[in-house]
C-alpha atoms as a PDB file:
ATOM      1  CA  UNK A   1      20.349 -14.117  10.354  1.00  0.00           C
ATOM      2  CA  UNK A   2      18.800 -17.878   9.278  1.00  0.00           C
ATOM      3  CA  UNK A   3      16.520 -18.486   6.662  1.00  0.00           C
ATOM      4  CA  UNK A   4      15.268 -21.640   4.378  1.00  0.00           C
ATOM      5  CA  UNK A   5      15.299 -22.390   0.899  1.00  0.00           C
ATOM      6  CA  UNK A   6      12.477 -23.494  -0.533  1.00  0.00           C
ATOM      7  CA  UNK A   7      11.884 -25.384  -4.256  1.00  0.00           C
ATOM      8  CA  UNK A   8      11.806 -22.889  -7.105  1.00  0.00           C
ATOM      9  CA  UNK A   9       8.551 -24.041  -7.846  1.00  0.00           C
ATOM     10  CA  UNK A  10       6.723 -23.799  -4.576  1.00  0.00           C
ATOM     11  CA  UNK A  11       5.787 -20.255  -3.126  1.00  0.00           C
ATOM     12  CA  UNK A  12       4.780 -18.668   0.209  1.00  0.00           C
ATOM     13  CA  UNK A  13       1.260 -17.767   0.761  1.00  0.00           C
ATOM     14  CA  UNK A  14       1.096 -17.174   4.102  1.00  0.00           C
ATOM     15  CA  UNK A  15       3.380 -17.052   7.561  1.00  0.00           C
ATOM     16  CA  UNK A  16       2.896 -16.196  10.546  1.00  0.00           C
ATOM     17  CA  UNK A  17       3.641 -17.048  14.467  1.00  0.00           C
ATOM     18  CA  UNK A  18       1.402 -19.914  16.009  1.00  0.00           C
ATOM     19  CA  UNK A  19       0.981 -20.966  19.976  1.00  0.00           C
ATOM     20  CA  UNK A  20       1.398 -25.322  19.439  1.00  0.00           C
ATOM     21  CA  UNK A  21       1.345 -28.064  22.437  1.00  0.00           C
ATOM     22  CA  UNK A  22       4.733 -28.995  22.978  1.00  0.00           C
ATOM     23  CA  UNK A  23       6.314 -31.336  25.523  1.00  0.00           C
ATOM     24  CA  UNK A  24       9.447 -29.015  25.376  1.00  0.00           C
ATOM     25  CA  UNK A  25       8.661 -26.976  27.494  1.00  0.00           C
ATOM     26  CA  UNK A  26       7.156 -26.228  31.257  1.00  0.00           C
ATOM     27  CA  UNK A  27       3.983 -24.716  29.807  1.00  0.00           C
ATOM     28  CA  UNK A  28       3.119 -27.072  27.421  1.00  0.00           C
ATOM     29  CA  UNK A  29       3.151 -24.802  24.913  1.00  0.00           C
ATOM     30  CA  UNK A  30       5.842 -22.815  22.624  1.00  0.00           C
ATOM     31  CA  UNK A  31       5.435 -20.402  19.772  1.00  0.00           C
ATOM     32  CA  UNK A  32       6.596 -21.704  16.077  1.00  0.00           C
ATOM     33  CA  UNK A  33       6.534 -20.159  12.675  1.00  0.00           C
ATOM     34  CA  UNK A  34       3.802 -21.622  10.575  1.00  0.00           C
ATOM     35  CA  UNK A  35       4.560 -21.422   6.675  1.00  0.00           C
ATOM     36  CA  UNK A  36       1.657 -22.238   3.888  1.00  0.00           C
ATOM     37  CA  UNK A  37       2.985 -22.463   0.012  1.00  0.00           C
ATOM     38  CA  UNK A  38       2.374 -23.778  -3.025  1.00  0.00           C
ATOM     39  CA  UNK A  39       3.537 -26.131  -5.532  1.00  0.00           C
ATOM     40  CA  UNK A  40       3.355 -25.410  -9.099  1.00  0.00           C
ATOM     41  CA  UNK A  41       3.639 -28.348 -11.087  1.00  0.00           C
ATOM     42  CA  UNK A  42       3.528 -27.137 -14.650  1.00  0.00           C
ATOM     43  CA  UNK A  43       0.139 -26.643 -16.898  1.00  0.00           C
ATOM     44  CA  UNK A  44      -0.792 -30.710 -17.195  1.00  0.00           C
ATOM     45  CA  UNK A  45      -1.009 -31.236 -13.280  1.00  0.00           C
ATOM     46  CA  UNK A  46      -2.583 -29.427 -10.734  1.00  0.00           C
ATOM     47  CA  UNK A  47      -1.151 -27.703  -8.194  1.00  0.00           C
ATOM     48  CA  UNK A  48      -0.029 -28.576  -4.927  1.00  0.00           C
ATOM     49  CA  UNK A  49       0.675 -27.488  -1.568  1.00  0.00           C
ATOM     50  CA  UNK A  50       2.420 -27.799   2.191  1.00  0.00           C
ATOM     51  CA  UNK A  51       2.497 -26.686   5.397  1.00  0.00           C
ATOM     52  CA  UNK A  52       6.052 -26.071   7.356  1.00  0.00           C
ATOM     53  CA  UNK A  53       6.176 -25.990  10.431  1.00  0.00           C
ATOM     54  CA  UNK A  54       9.589 -24.046  11.717  1.00  0.00           C
ATOM     55  CA  UNK A  55      11.402 -23.356  15.700  1.00  0.00           C
ATOM     56  CA  UNK A  56      13.434 -20.529  16.265  1.00  0.00           C
ATOM     57  CA  UNK A  57      16.785 -22.431  17.549  1.00  0.00           C
ATOM     58  CA  UNK A  58      18.915 -21.259  20.306  1.00  0.00           C
ATOM     59  CA  UNK A  59      22.942 -21.647  18.800  1.00  0.00           C
ATOM     60  CA  UNK A  60      25.219 -22.163  22.057  1.00  0.00           C
ATOM     61  CA  UNK A  61      28.537 -20.081  20.807  1.00  0.00           C
ATOM     62  CA  UNK A  62      31.849 -20.467  20.968  1.00  0.00           C
ATOM     63  CA  UNK A  63      33.472 -18.677  23.444  1.00  0.00           C
ATOM     64  CA  UNK A  64      36.423 -19.078  21.527  1.00  0.00           C
ATOM     65  CA  UNK A  65      34.908 -17.179  18.743  1.00  0.00           C
ATOM     66  CA  UNK A  66      32.229 -14.996  19.710  1.00  0.00           C
ATOM     67  CA  UNK A  67      29.794 -14.319  22.844  1.00  0.00           C
ATOM     68  CA  UNK A  68      26.678 -13.247  21.076  1.00  0.00           C
ATOM     69  CA  UNK A  69      23.810 -15.389  20.967  1.00  0.00           C
ATOM     70  CA  UNK A  70      22.246 -16.183  17.697  1.00  0.00           C
ATOM     71  CA  UNK A  71      19.212 -17.960  16.277  1.00  0.00           C
ATOM     72  CA  UNK A  72      18.539 -20.314  13.677  1.00  0.00           C
ATOM     73  CA  UNK A  73      15.241 -22.011  11.951  1.00  0.00           C
ATOM     74  CA  UNK A  74      14.826 -25.495  12.412  1.00  0.00           C
ATOM     75  CA  UNK A  75      12.028 -27.870  10.534  1.00  0.00           C
ATOM     76  CA  UNK A  76       9.835 -29.513  13.004  1.00  0.00           C
ATOM     77  CA  UNK A  77       6.967 -30.791  10.723  1.00  0.00           C
ATOM     78  CA  UNK A  78       6.221 -30.877   6.804  1.00  0.00           C
ATOM     79  CA  UNK A  79       2.499 -31.668   6.408  1.00  0.00           C
ATOM     80  CA  UNK A  80       2.219 -32.326   2.351  1.00  0.00           C
ATOM     81  CA  UNK A  81      -1.459 -31.449   1.149  1.00  0.00           C
ATOM     82  CA  UNK A  82      -3.720 -32.123  -2.540  1.00  0.00           C
ATOM     83  CA  UNK A  83      -4.127 -28.528  -2.863  1.00  0.00           C
ATOM     84  CA  UNK A  84      -2.680 -25.234  -2.280  1.00  0.00           C
ATOM     85  CA  UNK A  85      -2.085 -23.692   1.491  1.00  0.00           C
ATOM     86  CA  UNK A  86      -3.355 -20.595   1.681  1.00  0.00           C
ATOM     87  CA  UNK A  87      -4.119 -19.384   4.612  1.00  0.00           C
ATOM     88  CA  UNK A  88      -2.854 -20.171   7.803  1.00  0.00           C
ATOM     89  CA  UNK A  89      -3.257 -19.210  11.998  1.00  0.00           C
ATOM     90  CA  UNK A  90      -3.110 -20.151  15.202  1.00  0.00           C
ATOM     91  CA  UNK A  91      -6.656 -20.938  17.887  1.00  0.00           C
ATOM     92  CA  UNK A  92      -6.584 -22.147  21.257  1.00  0.00           C
ATOM     93  CA  UNK A  93      -3.232 -24.102  20.563  1.00  0.00           C
ATOM     94  CA  UNK A  94      -4.058 -25.564  17.718  1.00  0.00           C
ATOM     95  CA  UNK A  95      -2.708 -24.505  14.170  1.00  0.00           C
ATOM     96  CA  UNK A  96      -5.607 -23.684  11.581  1.00  0.00           C
ATOM     97  CA  UNK A  97      -5.123 -24.107   7.702  1.00  0.00           C
ATOM     98  CA  UNK A  98      -6.982 -23.415   4.838  1.00  0.00           C
ATOM     99  CA  UNK A  99      -6.589 -25.719   1.352  1.00  0.00           C
ATOM    100  CA  UNK A 100      -8.858 -24.696  -1.253  1.00  0.00           C
ATOM    101  CA  UNK A 101     -12.354 -24.050   0.392  1.00  0.00           C
ATOM    102  CA  UNK A 102     -11.429 -26.584   2.916  1.00  0.00           C
ATOM    103  CA  UNK A 103     -10.661 -25.487   6.582  1.00  0.00           C
ATOM    104  CA  UNK A 104      -8.435 -27.783   9.267  1.00  0.00           C
ATOM    105  CA  UNK A 105      -8.200 -27.275  12.571  1.00  0.00           C
ATOM    106  CA  UNK A 106      -4.454 -29.759  13.729  1.00  0.00           C
ATOM    107  CA  UNK A 107      -2.995 -30.767  17.044  1.00  0.00           C
ATOM    108  CA  UNK A 108       1.212 -30.764  16.723  1.00  0.00           C
ATOM    109  CA  UNK A 109       1.657 -33.992  18.182  1.00  0.00           C
ATOM    110  CA  UNK A 110       4.750 -35.310  19.237  1.00  0.00           C
ATOM    111  CA  UNK A 111       6.627 -32.425  18.201  1.00  0.00           C
ATOM    112  CA  UNK A 112       6.971 -33.895  14.893  1.00  0.00           C
ATOM    113  CA  UNK A 113       3.598 -34.433  12.836  1.00  0.00           C
ATOM    114  CA  UNK A 114       0.170 -32.076  12.461  1.00  0.00           C
ATOM    115  CA  UNK A 115      -2.907 -34.207  13.126  1.00  0.00           C
ATOM    116  CA  UNK A 116      -6.277 -33.416  12.258  1.00  0.00           C
ATOM    117  CA  UNK A 117      -9.172 -32.524  14.962  1.00  0.00           C
ATOM    118  CA  UNK A 118     -11.702 -30.458  12.604  1.00  0.00           C
ATOM    119  CA  UNK A 119     -12.730 -29.825   9.332  1.00  0.00           C
ATOM    120  CA  UNK A 120     -15.031 -27.872   7.539  1.00  0.00           C
ATOM    121  CA  UNK A 121     -16.149 -26.671   3.636  1.00  0.00           C
ATOM    122  CA  UNK A 122     -16.549 -23.144   3.124  1.00  0.00           C
ATOM    123  CA  UNK A 123     -16.837 -20.540   0.237  1.00  0.00           C
ATOM    124  CA  UNK A 124     -14.599 -21.726  -2.927  1.00  0.00           C
ATOM    125  CA  UNK A 125     -11.165 -20.703  -2.185  1.00  0.00           C
ATOM    126  CA  UNK A 126      -9.934 -19.219   1.150  1.00  0.00           C
ATOM    127  CA  UNK A 127      -8.018 -16.213   1.134  1.00  0.00           C
ATOM    128  CA  UNK A 128      -7.544 -14.830   5.173  1.00  0.00           C
ATOM    129  CA  UNK A 129      -7.823 -16.511   8.452  1.00  0.00           C
ATOM    130  CA  UNK A 130      -8.180 -14.540  11.488  1.00  0.00           C
ATOM    131  CA  UNK A 131      -8.905 -15.747  15.308  1.00  0.00           C
ATOM    132  CA  UNK A 132      -9.773 -13.959  18.909  1.00  0.00           C
ATOM    133  CA  UNK A 133      -9.489 -16.660  21.329  1.00  0.00           C
ATOM    134  CA  UNK A 134     -11.909 -19.444  20.185  1.00  0.00           C
ATOM    135  CA  UNK A 135     -13.717 -17.513  17.146  1.00  0.00           C
ATOM    136  CA  UNK A 136     -12.510 -18.238  13.532  1.00  0.00           C
ATOM    137  CA  UNK A 137     -12.958 -15.248  10.846  1.00  0.00           C
ATOM    138  CA  UNK A 138     -13.116 -16.854   7.118  1.00  0.00           C
ATOM    139  CA  UNK A 139     -12.316 -14.830   4.253  1.00  0.00           C
ATOM    140  CA  UNK A 140     -13.592 -16.200   0.640  1.00  0.00           C
ATOM    141  CA  UNK A 141     -12.515 -15.139  -2.273  1.00  0.00           C
ATOM    142  CA  UNK A 142     -16.170 -15.660  -3.429  1.00  0.00           C
ATOM    143  CA  UNK A 143     -18.403 -15.731  -0.715  1.00  0.00           C
ATOM    144  CA  UNK A 144     -17.372 -13.133   1.340  1.00  0.00           C
ATOM    145  CA  UNK A 145     -16.878 -14.349   5.204  1.00  0.00           C
ATOM    146  CA  UNK A 146     -17.661 -16.564   7.913  1.00  0.00           C
ATOM    147  CA  UNK A 147     -17.725 -16.144  11.233  1.00  0.00           C
ATOM    148  CA  UNK A 148     -17.258 -19.476  12.698  1.00  0.00           C
ATOM    149  CA  UNK A 149     -16.623 -21.019  16.521  1.00  0.00           C
ATOM    150  CA  UNK A 150     -14.730 -23.924  17.594  1.00  0.00           C
ATOM    151  CA  UNK A 151     -14.980 -26.161  20.453  1.00  0.00           C
ATOM    152  CA  UNK A 152     -12.971 -29.325  21.837  1.00  0.00           C
ATOM    153  CA  UNK A 153     -15.677 -31.419  23.497  1.00  0.00           C
ATOM    154  CA  UNK A 154     -16.116 -32.861  20.903  1.00  0.00           C
ATOM    155  CA  UNK A 155     -13.804 -30.685  18.804  1.00  0.00           C
ATOM    156  CA  UNK A 156     -16.214 -29.409  16.254  1.00  0.00           C
ATOM    157  CA  UNK A 157     -16.208 -26.218  13.906  1.00  0.00           C
ATOM    158  CA  UNK A 158     -19.918 -24.051  14.257  1.00  0.00           C
ATOM    159  CA  UNK A 159     -21.011 -22.057  11.806  1.00  0.00           C
ATOM    160  CA  UNK A 160     -22.550 -19.039  13.428  1.00  0.00           C
ATOM    161  CA  UNK A 161     -23.177 -16.132  10.654  1.00  0.00           C
ATOM    162  CA  UNK A 162     -21.728 -15.455   7.070  1.00  0.00           C
ATOM    163  CA  UNK A 163     -22.102 -12.577   4.795  1.00  0.00           C
ATOM    164  CA  UNK A 164     -25.191 -13.580   2.033  1.00  0.00           C
ATOM    165  CA  UNK A 165     -24.018 -11.654  -1.224  1.00  0.00           C
ATOM    166  CA  UNK A 166     -20.975 -12.196  -3.364  1.00  0.00           C
ATOM    167  CA  UNK A 167     -17.549 -10.374  -1.926  1.00  0.00           C
ATOM    168  CA  UNK A 168     -13.840 -11.285  -3.135  1.00  0.00           C
ATOM    169  CA  UNK A 169     -12.665 -10.609  -0.036  1.00  0.00           C
ATOM    170  CA  UNK A 170      -8.833 -10.332   0.111  1.00  0.00           C
ATOM    171  CA  UNK A 171      -8.411  -9.711   4.162  1.00  0.00           C
ATOM    172  CA  UNK A 172     -10.298 -10.030   6.741  1.00  0.00           C
ATOM    173  CA  UNK A 173     -10.077  -9.030  10.351  1.00  0.00           C
ATOM    174  CA  UNK A 174     -11.613  -8.397  14.150  1.00  0.00           C
ATOM    175  CA  UNK A 175     -11.863  -5.190  15.199  1.00  0.00           C
ATOM    176  CA  UNK A 176     -12.940  -4.871  19.119  1.00  0.00           C
ATOM    177  CA  UNK A 177     -13.479  -2.356  22.261  1.00  0.00           C
ATOM    178  CA  UNK A 178     -14.617  -2.970  25.298  1.00  0.00           C
ATOM    179  CA  UNK A 179     -18.606  -3.219  24.372  1.00  0.00           C
ATOM    180  CA  UNK A 180     -18.523  -4.178  20.917  1.00  0.00           C
ATOM    181  CA  UNK A 181     -16.474  -6.102  18.163  1.00  0.00           C
ATOM    182  CA  UNK A 182     -17.066  -5.491  14.729  1.00  0.00           C
ATOM    183  CA  UNK A 183     -15.523  -7.277  11.733  1.00  0.00           C
ATOM    184  CA  UNK A 184     -13.307  -5.487   9.212  1.00  0.00           C
ATOM    185  CA  UNK A 185     -12.812  -6.457   5.427  1.00  0.00           C
ATOM    186  CA  UNK A 186     -11.373  -5.304   2.386  1.00  0.00           C
ATOM    187  CA  UNK A 187     -11.820  -6.666  -1.167  1.00  0.00           C
ATOM    188  CA  UNK A 188     -10.096  -6.687  -4.440  1.00  0.00           C
ATOM    189  CA  UNK A 189     -11.954  -3.473  -5.804  1.00  0.00           C
ATOM    190  CA  UNK A 190     -10.280  -1.700  -2.279  1.00  0.00           C
ATOM    191  CA  UNK A 191     -13.923  -1.489  -0.561  1.00  0.00           C
ATOM    192  CA  UNK A 192     -13.753  -1.346   3.118  1.00  0.00           C
ATOM    193  CA  UNK A 193     -16.579  -2.685   4.688  1.00  0.00           C
ATOM    194  CA  UNK A 194     -17.461  -3.251   8.468  1.00  0.00           C
ATOM    195  CA  UNK A 195     -20.152  -5.777   9.560  1.00  0.00           C
ATOM    196  CA  UNK A 196     -21.705  -7.001  13.086  1.00  0.00           C
ATOM    197  CA  UNK A 197     -23.026  -9.977  14.512  1.00  0.00           C
ATOM    198  CA  UNK A 198     -26.270  -9.585  16.413  1.00  0.00           C
ATOM    199  CA  UNK A 199     -28.556 -12.476  16.989  1.00  0.00           C
ATOM    200  CA  UNK A 200     -31.065  -9.901  18.532  1.00  0.00           C
ATOM    201  CA  UNK A 201     -31.457  -8.127  15.243  1.00  0.00           C
ATOM    202  CA  UNK A 202     -34.561  -9.519  13.185  1.00  0.00           C
ATOM    203  CA  UNK A 203     -32.637  -8.846   9.836  1.00  0.00           C
ATOM    204  CA  UNK A 204     -29.522 -11.047  11.025  1.00  0.00           C
ATOM    205  CA  UNK A 205     -32.288 -13.878  10.644  1.00  0.00           C
ATOM    206  CA  UNK A 206     -31.736 -15.146  13.926  1.00  0.00           C
ATOM    207  CA  UNK A 207     -27.293 -14.817  13.688  1.00  0.00           C
ATOM    208  CA  UNK A 208     -27.040 -16.407  10.894  1.00  0.00           C
ATOM    209  CA  UNK A 209     -26.577 -13.036   8.677  1.00  0.00           C
ATOM    210  CA  UNK A 210     -23.795 -10.633   9.244  1.00  0.00           C
ATOM    211  CA  UNK A 211     -25.206  -7.214   9.648  1.00  0.00           C
ATOM    212  CA  UNK A 212     -23.056  -4.873   7.223  1.00  0.00           C
ATOM    213  CA  UNK A 213     -23.529  -1.721   8.788  1.00  0.00           C
ATOM    214  CA  UNK A 214     -20.684   0.588   7.100  1.00  0.00           C
ATOM    215  CA  UNK A 215     -18.596   0.424   3.156  1.00  0.00           C
ATOM    216  CA  UNK A 216     -16.223   2.806   2.417  1.00  0.00           C
ATOM    217  CA  UNK A 217     -13.941   2.983  -0.471  1.00  0.00           C
ATOM    218  CA  UNK A 218     -10.274   3.098   0.470  1.00  0.00           C
ATOM    219  CA  UNK A 219      -9.379   2.995  -3.784  1.00  0.00           C
ATOM    220  CA  UNK A 220      -6.388   0.783  -3.046  1.00  0.00           C
ATOM    221  CA  UNK A 221      -6.514  -3.241  -2.550  1.00  0.00           C
ATOM    222  CA  UNK A 222      -5.533  -4.205   0.790  1.00  0.00           C
ATOM    223  CA  UNK A 223      -3.563  -7.449   1.387  1.00  0.00           C
ATOM    224  CA  UNK A 224      -2.521  -7.807   4.809  1.00  0.00           C
ATOM    225  CA  UNK A 225      -3.212  -6.121   8.454  1.00  0.00           C
ATOM    226  CA  UNK A 226      -2.311  -6.619  12.169  1.00  0.00           C
ATOM    227  CA  UNK A 227      -4.202  -5.299  14.960  1.00  0.00           C
ATOM    228  CA  UNK A 228      -2.998  -3.005  17.453  1.00  0.00           C
ATOM    229  CA  UNK A 229      -4.023  -2.733  21.236  1.00  0.00           C
ATOM    230  CA  UNK A 230      -4.083   0.531  23.094  1.00  0.00           C
ATOM    231  CA  UNK A 231      -4.704   0.678  26.582  1.00  0.00           C
ATOM    232  CA  UNK A 232      -5.293   4.284  28.093  1.00  0.00           C
ATOM    233  CA  UNK A 233      -3.894   5.545  31.567  1.00  0.00           C
ATOM    234  CA  UNK A 234      -6.790   4.193  33.367  1.00  0.00           C
ATOM    235  CA  UNK A 235      -5.801   0.602  31.640  1.00  0.00           C
ATOM    236  CA  UNK A 236      -8.952  -1.081  31.174  1.00  0.00           C
ATOM    237  CA  UNK A 237      -9.109  -5.098  31.011  1.00  0.00           C
ATOM    238  CA  UNK A 238      -9.890  -5.150  27.420  1.00  0.00           C
ATOM    239  CA  UNK A 239      -8.344  -2.215  25.538  1.00  0.00           C
ATOM    240  CA  UNK A 240      -8.957  -0.294  22.527  1.00  0.00           C
ATOM    241  CA  UNK A 241      -7.590  -1.227  19.106  1.00  0.00           C
ATOM    242  CA  UNK A 242      -6.670  -0.111  15.881  1.00  0.00           C
ATOM    243  CA  UNK A 243      -6.316  -1.847  12.646  1.00  0.00           C
ATOM    244  CA  UNK A 244      -3.175  -0.963  10.594  1.00  0.00           C
ATOM    245  CA  UNK A 245      -3.442  -2.816   6.929  1.00  0.00           C
ATOM    246  CA  UNK A 246      -1.045  -2.656   4.021  1.00  0.00           C
ATOM    247  CA  UNK A 247      -2.199  -2.595   0.326  1.00  0.00           C
ATOM    248  CA  UNK A 248      -0.261  -3.906  -2.964  1.00  0.00           C
ATOM    249  CA  UNK A 249       0.877  -0.354  -3.827  1.00  0.00           C
ATOM    250  CA  UNK A 250       3.249  -0.376  -0.839  1.00  0.00           C
ATOM    251  CA  UNK A 251       1.090   2.397   1.069  1.00  0.00           C
ATOM    252  CA  UNK A 252      -0.355   1.833   5.037  1.00  0.00           C
ATOM    253  CA  UNK A 253      -3.495   2.971   6.229  1.00  0.00           C
ATOM    254  CA  UNK A 254      -5.108   2.953   9.755  1.00  0.00           C
ATOM    255  CA  UNK A 255      -8.542   2.299  11.330  1.00  0.00           C
ATOM    256  CA  UNK A 256      -9.276   3.875  14.444  1.00  0.00           C
ATOM    257  CA  UNK A 257     -12.048   3.609  16.809  1.00  0.00           C
ATOM    258  CA  UNK A 258     -13.587   6.521  18.014  1.00  0.00           C
ATOM    259  CA  UNK A 259     -16.065   7.623  21.039  1.00  0.00           C
ATOM    260  CA  UNK A 260     -19.476   8.840  19.870  1.00  0.00           C
ATOM    261  CA  UNK A 261     -18.519  12.486  21.284  1.00  0.00           C
ATOM    262  CA  UNK A 262     -15.374  12.762  19.177  1.00  0.00           C
ATOM    263  CA  UNK A 263     -16.897  11.119  16.271  1.00  0.00           C
ATOM    264  CA  UNK A 264     -19.867  13.415  16.303  1.00  0.00           C
ATOM    265  CA  UNK A 265     -17.430  16.457  15.919  1.00  0.00           C
ATOM    266  CA  UNK A 266     -15.110  14.910  13.540  1.00  0.00           C
ATOM    267  CA  UNK A 267     -17.932  14.399  11.638  1.00  0.00           C
ATOM    268  CA  UNK A 268     -19.382  17.680  11.843  1.00  0.00           C
ATOM    269  CA  UNK A 269     -16.129  18.998  10.695  1.00  0.00           C
ATOM    270  CA  UNK A 270     -15.780  16.451   7.598  1.00  0.00           C
ATOM    271  CA  UNK A 271     -19.217  17.516   6.363  1.00  0.00           C
ATOM    272  CA  UNK A 272     -17.724  21.348   6.440  1.00  0.00           C
ATOM    273  CA  UNK A 273     -14.522  20.946   5.033  1.00  0.00           C
ATOM    274  CA  UNK A 274     -16.185  19.142   1.816  1.00  0.00           C
ATOM    275  CA  UNK A 275     -18.449  22.277   1.303  1.00  0.00           C
ATOM    276  CA  UNK A 276     -15.506  25.150   2.372  1.00  0.00           C
ATOM    277  CA  UNK A 277     -12.404  23.488   1.331  1.00  0.00           C
ATOM    278  CA  UNK A 278     -10.688  23.837  -1.974  1.00  0.00           C
ATOM    279  CA  UNK A 279     -11.341  20.108  -4.130  1.00  0.00           C
ATOM    280  CA  UNK A 280      -8.739  18.424  -5.617  1.00  0.00           C
ATOM    281  CA  UNK A 281      -9.049  18.674  -9.062  1.00  0.00           C
ATOM    282  CA  UNK A 282     -12.581  19.872  -8.333  1.00  0.00           C
ATOM    283  CA  UNK A 283     -13.467  16.125  -7.132  1.00  0.00           C
ATOM    284  CA  UNK A 284     -15.929  15.936  -4.512  1.00  0.00           C
ATOM    285  CA  UNK A 285     -14.537  14.028  -1.357  1.00  0.00           C
ATOM    286  CA  UNK A 286     -17.516  12.749  -0.305  1.00  0.00           C
ATOM    287  CA  UNK A 287     -18.243  10.800  -3.610  1.00  0.00           C
ATOM    288  CA  UNK A 288     -14.901   9.810  -3.939  1.00  0.00           C
ATOM    289  CA  UNK A 289     -15.741   7.352  -0.925  1.00  0.00           C
ATOM    290  CA  UNK A 290     -19.352   6.699  -1.740  1.00  0.00           C
ATOM    291  CA  UNK A 291     -19.702   2.544  -2.530  1.00  0.00           C
ATOM    292  CA  UNK A 292     -22.050   1.432  -4.915  1.00  0.00           C
ATOM    293  CA  UNK A 293     -24.567  -0.888  -3.296  1.00  0.00           C
ATOM    294  CA  UNK A 294     -27.743  -1.999  -5.245  1.00  0.00           C
ATOM    295  CA  UNK A 295     -29.276  -4.211  -1.921  1.00  0.00           C
ATOM    296  CA  UNK A 296     -29.227  -0.778   0.402  1.00  0.00           C
ATOM    297  CA  UNK A 297     -31.770   2.276  -0.262  1.00  0.00           C
ATOM    298  CA  UNK A 298     -28.904   4.991   0.146  1.00  0.00           C
ATOM    299  CA  UNK A 299     -25.209   4.294   0.887  1.00  0.00           C
ATOM    300  CA  UNK A 300     -23.902   3.274   3.823  1.00  0.00           C
ATOM    301  CA  UNK A 301     -21.038   5.990   4.175  1.00  0.00           C
ATOM    302  CA  UNK A 302     -21.851   7.353   7.778  1.00  0.00           C
ATOM    303  CA  UNK A 303     -19.444   4.414   9.554  1.00  0.00           C
ATOM    304  CA  UNK A 304     -16.153   5.800   8.676  1.00  0.00           C
ATOM    305  CA  UNK A 305     -14.712   8.981   8.469  1.00  0.00           C
ATOM    306  CA  UNK A 306     -12.239  10.000   5.778  1.00  0.00           C
ATOM    307  CA  UNK A 307      -8.542  10.790   7.643  1.00  0.00           C
ATOM    308  CA  UNK A 308      -6.885  12.329   4.760  1.00  0.00           C
ATOM    309  CA  UNK A 309      -9.802  15.307   4.798  1.00  0.00           C
ATOM    310  CA  UNK A 310      -9.679  15.509   8.145  1.00  0.00           C
ATOM    311  CA  UNK A 311      -5.981  16.234   7.476  1.00  0.00           C
ATOM    312  CA  UNK A 312      -6.479  18.812   5.827  1.00  0.00           C
ATOM    313  CA  UNK A 313      -8.546  21.564   8.482  1.00  0.00           C
ATOM    314  CA  UNK A 314      -4.472  21.051  10.423  1.00  0.00           C
ATOM    315  CA  UNK A 315      -3.187  23.046   7.209  1.00  0.00           C
ATOM    316  CA  UNK A 316      -5.681  25.844   7.543  1.00  0.00           C
ATOM    317  CA  UNK A 317      -4.951  29.278   8.953  1.00  0.00           C
ATOM    318  CA  UNK A 318      -5.779  30.071  12.566  1.00  0.00           C
ATOM    319  CA  UNK A 319      -8.812  32.324  11.688  1.00  0.00           C
ATOM    320  CA  UNK A 320      -9.973  29.790   8.715  1.00  0.00           C
ATOM    321  CA  UNK A 321      -9.979  27.120  11.790  1.00  0.00           C
ATOM    322  CA  UNK A 322     -11.805  29.018  14.167  1.00  0.00           C
ATOM    323  CA  UNK A 323     -14.379  29.833  11.648  1.00  0.00           C
ATOM    324  CA  UNK A 324     -15.185  26.415  10.434  1.00  0.00           C
ATOM    325  CA  UNK A 325     -15.493  25.271  14.069  1.00  0.00           C
ATOM    326  CA  UNK A 326     -17.774  27.996  14.718  1.00  0.00           C
ATOM    327  CA  UNK A 327     -20.482  26.535  12.223  1.00  0.00           C
ATOM    328  CA  UNK A 328     -20.969  23.117  13.862  1.00  0.00           C
ATOM    329  CA  UNK A 329     -21.153  24.416  17.151  1.00  0.00           C
ATOM    330  CA  UNK A 330     -17.520  23.921  19.208  1.00  0.00           C
ATOM    331  CA  UNK A 331     -14.325  25.332  19.066  1.00  0.00           C
ATOM    332  CA  UNK A 332     -10.657  24.672  17.370  1.00  0.00           C
ATOM    333  CA  UNK A 333      -8.600  23.002  20.684  1.00  0.00           C
ATOM    334  CA  UNK A 334     -11.406  20.382  21.243  1.00  0.00           C
ATOM    335  CA  UNK A 335     -11.499  19.478  17.308  1.00  0.00           C
ATOM    336  CA  UNK A 336      -7.689  19.377  17.211  1.00  0.00           C
ATOM    337  CA  UNK A 337      -7.862  17.039  20.438  1.00  0.00           C
ATOM    338  CA  UNK A 338      -9.685  14.782  18.770  1.00  0.00           C
ATOM    339  CA  UNK A 339      -7.516  14.525  15.311  1.00  0.00           C
ATOM    340  CA  UNK A 340      -4.303  14.786  17.465  1.00  0.00           C
ATOM    341  CA  UNK A 341      -5.477  11.404  19.355  1.00  0.00           C
ATOM    342  CA  UNK A 342      -6.343   9.855  16.560  1.00  0.00           C
ATOM    343  CA  UNK A 343      -3.494  10.768  14.171  1.00  0.00           C
ATOM    344  CA  UNK A 344      -0.192  10.268  16.921  1.00  0.00           C
ATOM    345  CA  UNK A 345       1.124   7.013  17.707  1.00  0.00           C
ATOM    346  CA  UNK A 346       0.348   4.627  20.133  1.00  0.00           C
END
């Protein structure tokens, strides 16, 4: 067990494990811990920030004392910034960090300093950074999300697409299957939105605008997330993924991709449960999840199912379960199999 003591006026905004280039290993890369901080200097001076790179170093034990290995944090680099470093992530052996509305891509030079190779101005205040291969997803507190690509020859960040509406994004993440890629965001009101990047769609203006496909009111603010890959027995080259999110009230939620047949069955089941089970406090479960959006003709509610509502099906008597499934043209076994696959451990 080891740690690092920051100054009393310095606060950690983001921390993640990144893979950076180094000459200390045979592979030429190594995992480091990257930390972005805010340094509070009082009400008369603007805040500053810093980026820290820590190495997890193995300590050789003393045979006379203990044979057990242990590790400690070794500070390899500190890079001061003119503003708070609000988010950090790794991208193709480079470090990506944000300072206010700016995005910087840096290389770890000689294991002792960060050297900038590319930058971009986006939004107003960056809150989230996520990467997938050479793709970068940027969440902003005012201007929603931006979808960016990074190229190395020459070094450049290229804006592929963005959301044109003003949304306070607190967290953004990639969600993928073997054939599709989606972008999932959460905002300060607890609304989960699913976007698609599709240059072939006329509404995307040749890919310049991200397409909003689904909105779902989670009723809690999601601040962090992690994507878990799921490989089946066939072991496909690209697994399905599940998104795990953590909220400010301490709860956890998951978003799982379903195949089309299971989604249709569970969607029909959800409709029957809304009409046939007792509503909590006489509140309609469907209206509870609807998001007001003045830019669309009708609510975009068809893309996400309510797992809390579907879980009520397990608690029904068997004869009621059979009655509900008969009304949607399927049987109880198929519905339970779909539901167990969704809520089960991966």
